[in-house]
Amino acid sequence: MRRLTDTDVEVLRELARSAHANQTDKLGRDYFEAHLAPIAAGLRDFGPAAELAGWLHDIIEDTHHDVNSLRAAGVPDEVIVAVESVTKIEGEPYERLIDRACANPLGRVVKLVDNAWNLISAPRLSKLTPGVAEDLVRRKYRPARATLLAALGWAEEGPEMARICEVLVDFDQELGNQMGMHE
């Protein structure tokens, strides 16, 4: 595989921005800025392929793009396979999605950062839908975190998770400041 450059990542980031235009997250915020950007930032320390997978991790699931259109756009196969590994399949149990993500070296990191962002965002979501947020944390996000960490051989209190959480918490605080959502 050819080495990804910063320009490659920038061009394909714009593909994600365009594909997710007019979408919002569960809190009604711009999906690109409030979901994709923090996940890509949390993955940046793991290299350009990881960052790119962060920008694109929901593109197959939530837009008109598929594997062929990503390949035609110049997305490396390693990133496409990772994106496929974290893409929901209709009717598939969530636990199976986590197992598929764990089976891909890049996918497991992408899903872990996505999971970390969902957990960090849960208190804000809880203010809008209290029972839903707590149920997601208890039933889905916490068990998935344990599975993903085990697949990576990382500890919850380890340096990798500390760095990911540091980046994501900073992002959450910045988003909260921009939107006037102070805790």
N, C-alpha and C. Protein backbone atom coordinates (compact mmCIF):
# COMPACT_ATOMS: atom_id res chain seq x y z
N MET A 1 0.84 -1.18 0.00
CA MET A 1 0.00 0.00 0.00
C MET A 1 0.88 1.25 0.00
N ARG A 2 0.50 2.21 -0.81
CA ARG A 2 1.27 3.46 -0.81
C ARG A 2 0.99 4.21 0.48
N ARG A 3 1.96 4.96 0.90
CA ARG A 3 1.85 5.72 2.14
C ARG A 3 0.88 6.87 1.98
N LEU A 4 -0.06 7.00 2.91
CA LEU A 4 -1.00 8.11 2.90
C LEU A 4 -0.30 9.41 3.27
N THR A 5 -0.60 10.47 2.56
CA THR A 5 -0.05 11.79 2.89
C THR A 5 -1.13 12.61 3.60
N ASP A 6 -0.71 13.73 4.18
CA ASP A 6 -1.67 14.64 4.80
C ASP A 6 -2.67 15.15 3.76
N THR A 7 -2.21 15.35 2.54
CA THR A 7 -3.10 15.80 1.46
C THR A 7 -4.16 14.74 1.16
N ASP A 8 -3.76 13.46 1.13
CA ASP A 8 -4.73 12.37 0.92
C ASP A 8 -5.82 12.43 1.99
N VAL A 9 -5.40 12.58 3.23
CA VAL A 9 -6.35 12.61 4.34
C VAL A 9 -7.27 13.82 4.20
N GLU A 10 -6.70 14.98 3.85
CA GLU A 10 -7.53 16.19 3.68
C GLU A 10 -8.57 16.01 2.58
N VAL A 11 -8.16 15.47 1.45
CA VAL A 11 -9.08 15.27 0.32
C VAL A 11 -10.20 14.31 0.71
N LEU A 12 -9.85 13.22 1.36
CA LEU A 12 -10.86 12.22 1.72
C LEU A 12 -11.70 12.67 2.91
N ARG A 13 -11.14 13.54 3.76
CA ARG A 13 -11.94 14.15 4.83
C ARG A 13 -13.07 14.96 4.20
N GLU A 14 -12.75 15.66 3.12
CA GLU A 14 -13.78 16.46 2.44
C GLU A 14 -14.84 15.57 1.80
N LEU A 15 -14.46 14.36 1.38
CA LEU A 15 -15.44 13.39 0.91
C LEU A 15 -16.43 13.07 2.03
N ALA A 16 -15.91 12.86 3.24
CA ALA A 16 -16.76 12.58 4.40
C ALA A 16 -17.65 13.78 4.71
N ARG A 17 -17.09 14.98 4.66
CA ARG A 17 -17.87 16.19 4.95
C ARG A 17 -19.05 16.29 3.98
N SER A 18 -18.76 16.10 2.70
CA SER A 18 -19.80 16.19 1.67
C SER A 18 -20.84 15.08 1.84
N ALA A 19 -20.39 13.88 2.09
CA ALA A 19 -21.30 12.73 2.21
C ALA A 19 -22.24 12.88 3.40
N HIS A 20 -21.76 13.47 4.48
CA HIS A 20 -22.55 13.60 5.71
C HIS A 20 -23.21 14.97 5.84
N ALA A 21 -23.17 15.78 4.78
CA ALA A 21 -23.77 17.12 4.83
C ALA A 21 -25.23 17.02 5.27
N ASN A 22 -25.62 17.93 6.13
CA ASN A 22 -27.01 18.03 6.63
C ASN A 22 -27.40 16.91 7.59
N GLN A 23 -26.46 16.08 8.01
CA GLN A 23 -26.77 15.08 9.03
C GLN A 23 -26.43 15.65 10.40
N THR A 24 -27.15 15.18 11.42
CA THR A 24 -26.89 15.62 12.79
C THR A 24 -26.68 14.41 13.69
N ASP A 25 -26.02 14.65 14.82
CA ASP A 25 -25.84 13.59 15.80
C ASP A 25 -27.08 13.52 16.69
N LYS A 26 -27.05 12.66 17.71
CA LYS A 26 -28.21 12.48 18.60
C LYS A 26 -28.55 13.74 19.39
N LEU A 27 -27.61 14.67 19.47
CA LEU A 27 -27.84 15.93 20.17
C LEU A 27 -28.23 17.06 19.23
N GLY A 28 -28.41 16.73 17.96
CA GLY A 28 -28.81 17.74 16.99
C GLY A 28 -27.67 18.59 16.45
N ARG A 29 -26.43 18.18 16.73
CA ARG A 29 -25.26 18.93 16.27
C ARG A 29 -24.81 18.42 14.91
N ASP A 30 -24.09 19.26 14.18
CA ASP A 30 -23.56 18.87 12.87
C ASP A 30 -22.76 17.58 13.02
N TYR A 31 -23.13 16.57 12.24
CA TYR A 31 -22.53 15.24 12.38
C TYR A 31 -21.03 15.24 12.09
N PHE A 32 -20.63 15.96 11.07
CA PHE A 32 -19.21 16.00 10.72
C PHE A 32 -18.40 16.60 11.86
N GLU A 33 -18.83 17.75 12.36
CA GLU A 33 -18.08 18.44 13.41
C GLU A 33 -18.19 17.80 14.78
N ALA A 34 -19.37 17.24 15.09
CA ALA A 34 -19.61 16.75 16.45
C ALA A 34 -19.47 15.24 16.60
N HIS A 35 -19.29 14.51 15.51
CA HIS A 35 -19.07 13.06 15.63
C HIS A 35 -17.82 12.62 14.89
N LEU A 36 -17.72 12.92 13.61
CA LEU A 36 -16.57 12.45 12.83
C LEU A 36 -15.28 13.14 13.26
N ALA A 37 -15.32 14.45 13.45
CA ALA A 37 -14.09 15.19 13.80
C ALA A 37 -13.47 14.72 15.11
N PRO A 38 -14.25 14.53 16.18
CA PRO A 38 -13.61 14.05 17.41
C PRO A 38 -13.03 12.65 17.27
N ILE A 39 -13.72 11.78 16.54
CA ILE A 39 -13.21 10.42 16.38
C ILE A 39 -11.92 10.43 15.56
N ALA A 40 -11.90 11.20 14.48
CA ALA A 40 -10.67 11.31 13.69
C ALA A 40 -9.53 11.89 14.54
N ALA A 41 -9.84 12.88 15.37
CA ALA A 41 -8.82 13.47 16.24
C ALA A 41 -8.31 12.44 17.24
N GLY A 42 -9.21 11.63 17.79
CA GLY A 42 -8.81 10.58 18.73
C GLY A 42 -7.96 9.50 18.10
N LEU A 43 -8.05 9.37 16.78
CA LEU A 43 -7.29 8.35 16.05
C LEU A 43 -6.00 8.89 15.43
N ARG A 44 -5.81 10.18 15.41
CA ARG A 44 -4.67 10.81 14.73
C ARG A 44 -3.33 10.25 15.21
N ASP A 45 -3.19 9.99 16.50
CA ASP A 45 -1.92 9.48 17.04
C ASP A 45 -1.59 8.07 16.53
N PHE A 46 -2.57 7.39 15.93
CA PHE A 46 -2.36 6.03 15.43
C PHE A 46 -2.01 6.00 13.95
N GLY A 47 -1.83 7.16 13.34
CA GLY A 47 -1.37 7.24 11.96
C GLY A 47 -2.45 7.70 10.99
N PRO A 48 -2.02 8.04 9.77
CA PRO A 48 -2.96 8.57 8.78
C PRO A 48 -4.07 7.60 8.39
N ALA A 49 -3.79 6.31 8.31
CA ALA A 49 -4.85 5.36 7.96
C ALA A 49 -5.91 5.32 9.05
N ALA A 50 -5.49 5.37 10.31
CA ALA A 50 -6.45 5.38 11.42
C ALA A 50 -7.27 6.67 11.40
N GLU A 51 -6.61 7.81 11.22
CA GLU A 51 -7.34 9.07 11.16
C GLU A 51 -8.36 9.04 10.01
N LEU A 52 -7.93 8.58 8.86
CA LEU A 52 -8.82 8.51 7.71
C LEU A 52 -10.00 7.57 7.98
N ALA A 53 -9.74 6.44 8.60
CA ALA A 53 -10.83 5.52 8.97
C ALA A 53 -11.80 6.20 9.93
N GLY A 54 -11.29 7.08 10.79
CA GLY A 54 -12.17 7.84 11.68
C GLY A 54 -13.09 8.77 10.92
N TRP A 55 -12.54 9.48 9.94
CA TRP A 55 -13.37 10.37 9.13
C TRP A 55 -14.43 9.59 8.36
N LEU A 56 -14.10 8.38 7.93
CA LEU A 56 -14.97 7.62 7.04
C LEU A 56 -15.76 6.50 7.73
N HIS A 57 -15.63 6.35 9.04
CA HIS A 57 -16.15 5.14 9.69
C HIS A 57 -17.67 4.93 9.54
N ASP A 58 -18.43 5.98 9.31
CA ASP A 58 -19.88 5.83 9.15
C ASP A 58 -20.36 6.05 7.72
N ILE A 59 -19.46 6.21 6.79
CA ILE A 59 -19.84 6.61 5.44
C ILE A 59 -20.64 5.53 4.70
N ILE A 60 -20.31 4.27 4.88
CA ILE A 60 -21.07 3.20 4.22
C ILE A 60 -22.44 3.05 4.90
N GLU A 61 -22.43 3.15 6.21
CA GLU A 61 -23.65 2.96 7.00
C GLU A 61 -24.67 4.08 6.81
N ASP A 62 -24.21 5.32 6.69
CA ASP A 62 -25.11 6.46 6.76
C ASP A 62 -25.23 7.30 5.50
N THR A 63 -24.57 6.89 4.40
CA THR A 63 -24.62 7.69 3.18
C THR A 63 -24.81 6.77 1.98
N HIS A 64 -24.78 7.35 0.80
CA HIS A 64 -24.93 6.58 -0.43
C HIS A 64 -23.65 5.85 -0.84
N HIS A 65 -22.55 6.08 -0.13
CA HIS A 65 -21.28 5.47 -0.51
C HIS A 65 -21.24 3.98 -0.17
N ASP A 66 -20.48 3.27 -1.00
CA ASP A 66 -20.23 1.85 -0.76
C ASP A 66 -18.75 1.59 -1.01
N VAL A 67 -18.36 0.35 -0.89
CA VAL A 67 -16.95 -0.03 -1.07
C VAL A 67 -16.42 0.43 -2.42
N ASN A 68 -17.21 0.24 -3.47
CA ASN A 68 -16.76 0.61 -4.81
C ASN A 68 -16.55 2.11 -4.96
N SER A 69 -17.46 2.92 -4.42
CA SER A 69 -17.29 4.37 -4.55
C SER A 69 -16.11 4.86 -3.71
N LEU A 70 -15.86 4.21 -2.58
CA LEU A 70 -14.70 4.58 -1.77
C LEU A 70 -13.41 4.23 -2.49
N ARG A 71 -13.38 3.05 -3.09
CA ARG A 71 -12.19 2.64 -3.85
C ARG A 71 -11.95 3.61 -5.01
N ALA A 72 -13.02 3.98 -5.71
CA ALA A 72 -12.91 4.92 -6.84
C ALA A 72 -12.43 6.30 -6.38
N ALA A 73 -12.74 6.66 -5.14
CA ALA A 73 -12.31 7.94 -4.60
C ALA A 73 -10.86 7.91 -4.12
N GLY A 74 -10.24 6.73 -4.14
CA GLY A 74 -8.84 6.63 -3.75
C GLY A 74 -8.61 6.22 -2.30
N VAL A 75 -9.65 5.72 -1.64
CA VAL A 75 -9.49 5.26 -0.26
C VAL A 75 -8.71 3.95 -0.29
N PRO A 76 -7.63 3.86 0.48
CA PRO A 76 -6.84 2.62 0.50
C PRO A 76 -7.66 1.43 1.01
N ASP A 77 -7.35 0.26 0.47
CA ASP A 77 -8.08 -0.96 0.86
C ASP A 77 -8.04 -1.21 2.37
N GLU A 78 -6.91 -0.95 3.00
CA GLU A 78 -6.79 -1.14 4.45
C GLU A 78 -7.86 -0.34 5.20
N VAL A 79 -8.11 0.88 4.74
CA VAL A 79 -9.10 1.74 5.38
C VAL A 79 -10.51 1.26 5.04
N ILE A 80 -10.73 0.86 3.80
CA ILE A 80 -12.05 0.35 3.41
C ILE A 80 -12.42 -0.88 4.24
N VAL A 81 -11.49 -1.79 4.40
CA VAL A 81 -11.75 -3.01 5.18
C VAL A 81 -12.04 -2.65 6.64
N ALA A 82 -11.33 -1.68 7.18
CA ALA A 82 -11.60 -1.23 8.55
C ALA A 82 -12.99 -0.62 8.65
N VAL A 83 -13.35 0.22 7.70
CA VAL A 83 -14.68 0.85 7.70
C VAL A 83 -15.76 -0.23 7.61
N GLU A 84 -15.56 -1.21 6.75
CA GLU A 84 -16.53 -2.31 6.65
C GLU A 84 -16.66 -3.03 8.00
N SER A 85 -15.56 -3.18 8.71
CA SER A 85 -15.58 -3.93 9.97
C SER A 85 -16.37 -3.21 11.07
N VAL A 86 -16.57 -1.90 10.94
CA VAL A 86 -17.31 -1.15 11.95
C VAL A 86 -18.67 -0.68 11.45
N THR A 87 -19.06 -1.15 10.27
CA THR A 87 -20.34 -0.76 9.67
C THR A 87 -21.44 -1.71 10.11
N LYS A 88 -22.52 -1.13 10.64
CA LYS A 88 -23.67 -1.95 11.06
C LYS A 88 -24.26 -2.65 9.85
N ILE A 89 -24.68 -3.88 10.08
CA ILE A 89 -25.41 -4.66 9.08
C ILE A 89 -26.82 -4.82 9.63
N GLU A 90 -27.81 -4.48 8.82
CA GLU A 90 -29.19 -4.54 9.26
C GLU A 90 -29.51 -5.92 9.84
N GLY A 91 -30.10 -5.90 11.03
CA GLY A 91 -30.51 -7.13 11.70
C GLY A 91 -29.41 -7.80 12.51
N GLU A 92 -28.20 -7.32 12.38
CA GLU A 92 -27.07 -7.91 13.10
C GLU A 92 -27.07 -7.44 14.56
N PRO A 93 -26.91 -8.35 15.51
CA PRO A 93 -26.80 -7.92 16.91
C PRO A 93 -25.54 -7.05 17.10
N TYR A 94 -25.65 -6.10 18.01
CA TYR A 94 -24.55 -5.17 18.27
C TYR A 94 -23.28 -5.92 18.67
N GLU A 95 -23.44 -6.99 19.44
CA GLU A 95 -22.28 -7.76 19.88
C GLU A 95 -21.52 -8.34 18.69
N ARG A 96 -22.23 -8.73 17.65
CA ARG A 96 -21.59 -9.27 16.44
C ARG A 96 -20.80 -8.18 15.73
N LEU A 97 -21.35 -6.96 15.69
CA LEU A 97 -20.61 -5.83 15.13
C LEU A 97 -19.30 -5.62 15.88
N ILE A 98 -19.37 -5.68 17.19
CA ILE A 98 -18.15 -5.50 18.00
C ILE A 98 -17.17 -6.63 17.71
N ASP A 99 -17.64 -7.84 17.58
CA ASP A 99 -16.75 -8.96 17.24
C ASP A 99 -16.08 -8.74 15.88
N ARG A 100 -16.84 -8.25 14.89
CA ARG A 100 -16.26 -7.98 13.57
C ARG A 100 -15.21 -6.88 13.66
N ALA A 101 -15.51 -5.84 14.42
CA ALA A 101 -14.53 -4.75 14.59
C ALA A 101 -13.26 -5.28 15.26
N CYS A 102 -13.43 -6.13 16.26
CA CYS A 102 -12.28 -6.69 16.98
C CYS A 102 -11.39 -7.54 16.08
N ALA A 103 -11.97 -8.13 15.05
CA ALA A 103 -11.21 -9.00 14.15
C ALA A 103 -10.31 -8.22 13.19
N ASN A 104 -10.49 -6.90 13.10
CA ASN A 104 -9.69 -6.08 12.20
C ASN A 104 -8.77 -5.19 13.02
N PRO A 105 -7.45 -5.24 12.80
CA PRO A 105 -6.53 -4.46 13.62
C PRO A 105 -6.84 -2.96 13.65
N LEU A 106 -7.20 -2.39 12.53
CA LEU A 106 -7.54 -0.97 12.49
C LEU A 106 -8.97 -0.74 12.96
N GLY A 107 -9.87 -1.63 12.59
CA GLY A 107 -11.27 -1.51 12.99
C GLY A 107 -11.46 -1.49 14.49
N ARG A 108 -10.69 -2.30 15.21
CA ARG A 108 -10.87 -2.34 16.67
C ARG A 108 -10.49 -1.03 17.33
N VAL A 109 -9.48 -0.34 16.79
CA VAL A 109 -9.10 0.96 17.35
C VAL A 109 -10.16 2.00 16.99
N VAL A 110 -10.63 1.96 15.74
CA VAL A 110 -11.67 2.91 15.32
C VAL A 110 -12.91 2.74 16.18
N LYS A 111 -13.35 1.52 16.38
CA LYS A 111 -14.56 1.28 17.17
C LYS A 111 -14.34 1.66 18.63
N LEU A 112 -13.14 1.46 19.15
CA LEU A 112 -12.86 1.85 20.53
C LEU A 112 -12.96 3.37 20.69
N VAL A 113 -12.41 4.12 19.75
CA VAL A 113 -12.49 5.58 19.84
C VAL A 113 -13.95 6.03 19.66
N ASP A 114 -14.68 5.41 18.75
CA ASP A 114 -16.11 5.71 18.58
C ASP A 114 -16.84 5.43 19.90
N ASN A 115 -16.54 4.31 20.50
CA ASN A 115 -17.14 3.93 21.78
C ASN A 115 -16.79 4.95 22.87
N ALA A 116 -15.53 5.36 22.92
CA ALA A 116 -15.10 6.34 23.92
C ALA A 116 -15.86 7.65 23.73
N TRP A 117 -16.03 8.07 22.47
CA TRP A 117 -16.77 9.31 22.20
C TRP A 117 -18.23 9.17 22.63
N ASN A 118 -18.83 8.02 22.37
CA ASN A 118 -20.21 7.80 22.80
C ASN A 118 -20.34 7.87 24.31
N LEU A 119 -19.38 7.32 25.03
CA LEU A 119 -19.42 7.37 26.49
C LEU A 119 -19.20 8.79 27.00
N ILE A 120 -18.30 9.53 26.38
CA ILE A 120 -18.05 10.91 26.80
C ILE A 120 -19.27 11.79 26.50
N SER A 121 -19.96 11.49 25.40
CA SER A 121 -21.14 12.27 25.02
C SER A 121 -22.39 11.89 25.80
N ALA A 122 -22.38 10.76 26.46
CA ALA A 122 -23.57 10.25 27.15
C ALA A 122 -24.16 11.22 28.17
N PRO A 123 -23.35 11.92 28.98
CA PRO A 123 -23.97 12.86 29.92
C PRO A 123 -24.79 13.97 29.24
N ARG A 124 -24.32 14.47 28.11
CA ARG A 124 -25.10 15.48 27.39
C ARG A 124 -26.38 14.85 26.83
N LEU A 125 -26.26 13.63 26.27
CA LEU A 125 -27.44 12.93 25.75
C LEU A 125 -28.42 12.63 26.87
N SER A 126 -27.91 12.33 28.04
CA SER A 126 -28.75 12.01 29.19
C SER A 126 -29.66 13.18 29.57
N LYS A 127 -29.19 14.39 29.33
CA LYS A 127 -30.02 15.57 29.63
C LYS A 127 -31.22 15.65 28.69
N LEU A 128 -31.08 15.12 27.48
CA LEU A 128 -32.19 15.13 26.52
C LEU A 128 -33.07 13.89 26.64
N THR A 129 -32.44 12.73 26.82
CA THR A 129 -33.16 11.45 26.91
C THR A 129 -32.55 10.61 28.02
N PRO A 130 -32.89 10.94 29.28
CA PRO A 130 -32.21 10.28 30.41
C PRO A 130 -32.20 8.76 30.38
N GLY A 131 -33.32 8.12 30.24
CA GLY A 131 -33.35 6.66 30.27
C GLY A 131 -32.62 6.02 29.11
N VAL A 132 -32.71 6.62 27.94
CA VAL A 132 -32.07 6.08 26.75
C VAL A 132 -30.55 6.10 26.90
N ALA A 133 -30.01 7.22 27.34
CA ALA A 133 -28.56 7.35 27.47
C ALA A 133 -28.00 6.34 28.48
N GLU A 134 -28.64 6.23 29.63
CA GLU A 134 -28.16 5.30 30.64
C GLU A 134 -28.23 3.86 30.14
N ASP A 135 -29.29 3.52 29.41
CA ASP A 135 -29.44 2.17 28.87
C ASP A 135 -28.35 1.87 27.85
N LEU A 136 -28.06 2.84 26.98
CA LEU A 136 -27.00 2.64 25.98
C LEU A 136 -25.65 2.40 26.66
N VAL A 137 -25.37 3.18 27.68
CA VAL A 137 -24.09 3.02 28.40
C VAL A 137 -24.03 1.65 29.04
N ARG A 138 -25.06 1.27 29.76
CA ARG A 138 -25.06 0.02 30.52
C ARG A 138 -25.11 -1.21 29.61
N ARG A 139 -26.00 -1.19 28.62
CA ARG A 139 -26.27 -2.36 27.81
C ARG A 139 -25.30 -2.52 26.64
N LYS A 140 -24.85 -1.41 26.05
CA LYS A 140 -24.04 -1.49 24.83
C LYS A 140 -22.61 -1.02 25.04
N TYR A 141 -22.44 0.24 25.44
CA TYR A 141 -21.12 0.86 25.38
C TYR A 141 -20.12 0.29 26.38
N ARG A 142 -20.52 0.05 27.63
CA ARG A 142 -19.57 -0.51 28.62
C ARG A 142 -19.14 -1.93 28.25
N PRO A 143 -20.08 -2.84 27.93
CA PRO A 143 -19.63 -4.18 27.53
C PRO A 143 -18.76 -4.16 26.26
N ALA A 144 -19.11 -3.31 25.30
CA ALA A 144 -18.31 -3.21 24.08
C ALA A 144 -16.91 -2.71 24.41
N ARG A 145 -16.80 -1.75 25.31
CA ARG A 145 -15.48 -1.21 25.71
C ARG A 145 -14.61 -2.34 26.23
N ALA A 146 -15.15 -3.17 27.10
CA ALA A 146 -14.36 -4.28 27.67
C ALA A 146 -13.89 -5.23 26.57
N THR A 147 -14.76 -5.55 25.63
CA THR A 147 -14.41 -6.46 24.54
C THR A 147 -13.33 -5.85 23.65
N LEU A 148 -13.49 -4.59 23.30
CA LEU A 148 -12.51 -3.91 22.43
C LEU A 148 -11.15 -3.79 23.12
N LEU A 149 -11.15 -3.41 24.39
CA LEU A 149 -9.87 -3.32 25.11
C LEU A 149 -9.17 -4.67 25.18
N ALA A 150 -9.93 -5.73 25.43
CA ALA A 150 -9.33 -7.06 25.49
C ALA A 150 -8.74 -7.44 24.13
N ALA A 151 -9.43 -7.11 23.05
CA ALA A 151 -8.93 -7.43 21.70
C ALA A 151 -7.63 -6.68 21.41
N LEU A 152 -7.51 -5.49 21.94
CA LEU A 152 -6.30 -4.69 21.73
C LEU A 152 -5.19 -5.03 22.73
N GLY A 153 -5.55 -5.70 23.82
CA GLY A 153 -4.58 -5.97 24.87
C GLY A 153 -4.25 -4.72 25.68
N TRP A 154 -5.19 -3.79 25.75
CA TRP A 154 -5.00 -2.53 26.47
C TRP A 154 -5.79 -2.56 27.77
N ALA A 155 -5.33 -1.75 28.71
CA ALA A 155 -6.03 -1.59 29.98
C ALA A 155 -6.86 -0.31 29.94
N GLU A 156 -7.97 -0.33 30.64
CA GLU A 156 -8.83 0.86 30.75
C GLU A 156 -8.02 2.07 31.25
N GLU A 157 -7.10 1.83 32.16
CA GLU A 157 -6.30 2.92 32.72
C GLU A 157 -4.94 3.07 32.03
N GLY A 158 -4.75 2.41 30.91
CA GLY A 158 -3.47 2.43 30.22
C GLY A 158 -3.22 3.74 29.47
N PRO A 159 -1.99 3.91 28.99
CA PRO A 159 -1.61 5.16 28.33
C PRO A 159 -2.37 5.42 27.02
N GLU A 160 -2.71 4.36 26.30
CA GLU A 160 -3.45 4.56 25.04
C GLU A 160 -4.82 5.16 25.31
N MET A 161 -5.55 4.57 26.27
CA MET A 161 -6.88 5.08 26.60
C MET A 161 -6.79 6.46 27.23
N ALA A 162 -5.76 6.70 28.01
CA ALA A 162 -5.61 8.03 28.62
C ALA A 162 -5.46 9.09 27.53
N ARG A 163 -4.65 8.81 26.52
CA ARG A 163 -4.45 9.78 25.44
C ARG A 163 -5.72 9.97 24.62
N ILE A 164 -6.40 8.87 24.29
CA ILE A 164 -7.66 8.96 23.54
C ILE A 164 -8.66 9.81 24.31
N CYS A 165 -8.82 9.50 25.59
CA CYS A 165 -9.81 10.23 26.40
C CYS A 165 -9.42 11.70 26.56
N GLU A 166 -8.14 11.98 26.68
CA GLU A 166 -7.68 13.37 26.78
C GLU A 166 -8.10 14.16 25.54
N VAL A 167 -7.85 13.60 24.38
CA VAL A 167 -8.21 14.27 23.12
C VAL A 167 -9.73 14.45 23.04
N LEU A 168 -10.48 13.42 23.37
CA LEU A 168 -11.93 13.48 23.25
C LEU A 168 -12.57 14.40 24.27
N VAL A 169 -12.07 14.41 25.49
CA VAL A 169 -12.60 15.31 26.51
C VAL A 169 -12.34 16.76 26.10
N ASP A 170 -11.15 17.05 25.59
CA ASP A 170 -10.87 18.40 25.09
C ASP A 170 -11.85 18.77 23.97
N PHE A 171 -12.11 17.85 23.08
CA PHE A 171 -13.04 18.09 21.98
C PHE A 171 -14.44 18.34 22.52
N ASP A 172 -14.87 17.54 23.49
CA ASP A 172 -16.19 17.69 24.09
C ASP A 172 -16.34 19.05 24.76
N GLN A 173 -15.31 19.47 25.47
CA GLN A 173 -15.36 20.78 26.13
C GLN A 173 -15.44 21.90 25.11
N GLU A 174 -14.68 21.79 24.04
CA GLU A 174 -14.71 22.81 22.98
C GLU A 174 -16.09 22.85 22.33
N LEU A 175 -16.65 21.70 22.00
CA LEU A 175 -18.00 21.67 21.41
C LEU A 175 -19.02 22.27 22.37
N GLY A 176 -18.90 21.92 23.65
CA GLY A 176 -19.81 22.48 24.65
C GLY A 176 -19.69 23.99 24.73
N ASN A 177 -18.47 24.50 24.68
CA ASN A 177 -18.26 25.94 24.72
C ASN A 177 -18.86 26.62 23.49
N GLN A 178 -18.68 26.00 22.33
CA GLN A 178 -19.22 26.57 21.08
C GLN A 178 -20.75 26.61 21.12
N MET A 179 -21.34 25.63 21.75
CA MET A 179 -22.81 25.54 21.74
C MET A 179 -23.44 26.06 23.01
N GLY A 180 -22.62 26.58 23.93
CA GLY A 180 -23.16 27.09 25.19
C GLY A 180 -23.67 25.99 26.10
N MET A 181 -23.08 24.80 25.97
CA MET A 181 -23.49 23.64 26.80
C MET A 181 -22.49 23.43 27.92
N HIS A 182 -22.55 24.25 28.93
CA HIS A 182 -21.60 24.11 30.03
C HIS A 182 -22.13 23.12 31.05
N GLU A 183 -21.23 22.30 31.53
CA GLU A 183 -21.62 21.29 32.54
C GLU A 183 -21.72 21.94 33.89
